[in-house]
Amino acid sequence: QVQLVESGGGLVQPGGSLRLSCTASGSIFSINTITWYRQAPGKQRELVAAFTSGGSTKYADSVKGRFAISRDNAKKMVYLQMYSLKPEDTAVYYCNILGLYWGQGTQVTVSS
């Protein structure tokens, strides 16, 4: 059984920063397959950040240069560091593994 738990969301002012964490447990071969998604009200869920098979990272165009995905293999944790947050970043952020398992999500609200 695989379980993903997100944390670190909250209310932040525009221009602020947050770091989200995704803690994985269970039978996981590699946390490199964990990906961050988000879903804003009334919108489809979209990919935000992921690790690539080549050992690099990829980001949605809307967050490039502002968000960074990283991992701690020993702790089975994946992070999403978010800088220069904008109101349009407001969404529920989810981590996903292999397109199969989802966490419960963590709410990020960017508002003054």
Protein backbone atom coordinates (compact mmCIF):
# COMPACT_ATOMS: atom_id res chain seq x y z
CA GLN A 1 0.00 0.00 0.00
CA VAL A 2 1.29 3.42 -0.97
CA GLN A 3 0.38 6.54 0.95
CA LEU A 4 1.22 10.15 0.19
CA VAL A 5 0.66 12.97 2.66
CA GLU A 6 1.07 16.63 1.71
CA SER A 7 1.71 19.42 4.18
CA GLY A 8 2.91 22.99 4.30
CA GLY A 9 0.06 24.83 2.65
CA GLY A 10 -1.49 27.98 4.01
CA LEU A 11 -2.34 31.60 3.40
CA VAL A 12 0.44 33.79 2.06
CA GLN A 13 0.60 37.30 0.64
CA PRO A 14 1.52 37.89 -3.00
CA GLY A 15 5.28 37.77 -3.37
CA GLY A 16 5.64 35.42 -0.45
CA SER A 17 7.06 31.92 -0.23
CA LEU A 18 5.95 28.51 0.96
CA ARG A 19 7.50 25.08 1.02
CA LEU A 20 5.24 22.09 0.54
CA SER A 21 6.22 18.62 1.63
CA CYS A 22 5.05 15.25 0.40
CA THR A 23 5.78 12.30 2.64
CA ALA A 24 5.64 8.89 1.04
CA SER A 25 5.17 5.56 2.77
CA GLY A 26 4.64 1.99 1.68
CA SER A 27 6.08 0.05 -1.21
CA ILE A 28 7.72 2.76 -3.25
CA PHE A 29 10.54 1.86 -5.57
CA SER A 30 11.69 5.41 -6.14
CA ILE A 31 10.46 8.79 -4.95
CA ASN A 32 11.79 10.18 -8.22
CA THR A 33 8.39 9.25 -9.63
CA ILE A 34 6.57 11.63 -7.30
CA THR A 35 5.06 14.59 -9.10
CA TRP A 36 3.36 17.77 -7.90
CA TYR A 37 -0.01 18.80 -9.32
CA ARG A 38 -2.45 21.53 -8.44
CA GLN A 39 -6.10 22.21 -8.98
CA ALA A 40 -7.57 25.67 -8.80
CA PRO A 41 -11.31 26.23 -8.31
CA GLY A 42 -13.19 25.56 -11.52
CA LYS A 43 -10.08 24.36 -13.34
CA GLN A 44 -8.59 21.04 -14.30
CA ARG A 45 -5.79 19.52 -12.30
CA GLU A 46 -2.45 20.44 -13.84
CA LEU A 47 1.10 19.22 -13.50
CA VAL A 48 3.29 21.70 -11.66
CA ALA A 49 6.67 20.03 -11.19
CA ALA A 50 8.30 16.67 -11.72
CA PHE A 51 11.59 14.86 -11.92
CA THR A 52 12.58 13.63 -15.35
CA SER A 53 14.03 10.26 -16.22
CA GLY A 54 17.27 11.99 -17.12
CA GLY A 55 17.73 13.23 -13.58
CA SER A 56 16.56 16.75 -14.23
CA THR A 57 13.33 18.54 -13.41
CA LYS A 58 10.48 20.01 -15.40
CA TYR A 59 7.92 22.66 -14.57
CA ALA A 60 4.72 24.14 -15.84
CA ASP A 61 5.48 27.29 -17.79
CA SER A 62 3.49 29.34 -15.29
CA VAL A 63 5.83 28.43 -12.41
CA LYS A 64 9.24 28.23 -14.12
CA GLY A 65 11.83 30.23 -12.28
CA ARG A 66 9.62 30.50 -9.18
CA PHE A 67 9.09 26.91 -8.01
CA ALA A 68 11.64 24.20 -7.31
CA ILE A 69 11.09 20.49 -6.72
CA SER A 70 13.56 18.57 -4.61
CA ARG A 71 13.73 15.31 -2.69
CA ASP A 72 15.21 13.58 0.32
CA ASN A 73 15.53 9.91 -0.54
CA ALA A 74 16.37 8.85 2.99
CA LYS A 75 13.23 10.45 4.38
CA LYS A 76 11.08 9.52 1.37
CA MET A 77 10.05 13.12 1.06
CA VAL A 78 9.57 15.39 -1.93
CA TYR A 79 9.39 19.15 -1.56
CA LEU A 80 7.99 21.99 -3.60
CA GLN A 81 9.61 25.30 -2.77
CA MET A 82 7.49 28.15 -4.05
CA TYR A 83 8.76 31.71 -4.35
CA SER A 84 7.22 34.94 -5.62
CA LEU A 85 3.75 33.54 -5.19
CA LYS A 86 0.90 35.06 -7.16
CA PRO A 87 -2.86 34.99 -6.59
CA GLU A 88 -3.15 32.67 -9.58
CA ASP A 89 -1.08 30.10 -7.70
CA THR A 90 -4.02 29.62 -5.36
CA ALA A 91 -5.02 25.97 -5.58
CA VAL A 92 -5.03 22.67 -3.79
CA TYR A 93 -1.62 21.09 -4.31
CA TYR A 94 -1.33 17.34 -4.60
CA CYS A 95 1.51 14.91 -4.91
CA ASN A 96 1.13 11.87 -7.08
CA ILE A 97 3.17 8.79 -7.75
CA LEU A 98 3.18 6.97 -11.07
CA GLY A 99 -0.18 8.46 -11.93
CA LEU A 100 -1.78 5.98 -9.56
CA TYR A 101 -1.72 7.29 -6.01
CA TRP A 102 -2.72 10.72 -4.75
CA GLY A 103 -2.37 12.49 -1.47
CA GLN A 104 -5.26 14.36 0.12
CA GLY A 105 -3.91 17.72 -1.00
CA THR A 106 -2.87 20.87 0.80
CA GLN A 107 -4.51 24.25 0.22
CA VAL A 108 -2.38 27.17 -0.88
CA THR A 109 -4.05 30.57 -0.88
CA VAL A 110 -2.23 33.63 -2.14
CA SER A 111 -4.07 36.77 -1.16
CA SER A 112 -3.51 40.13 0.44
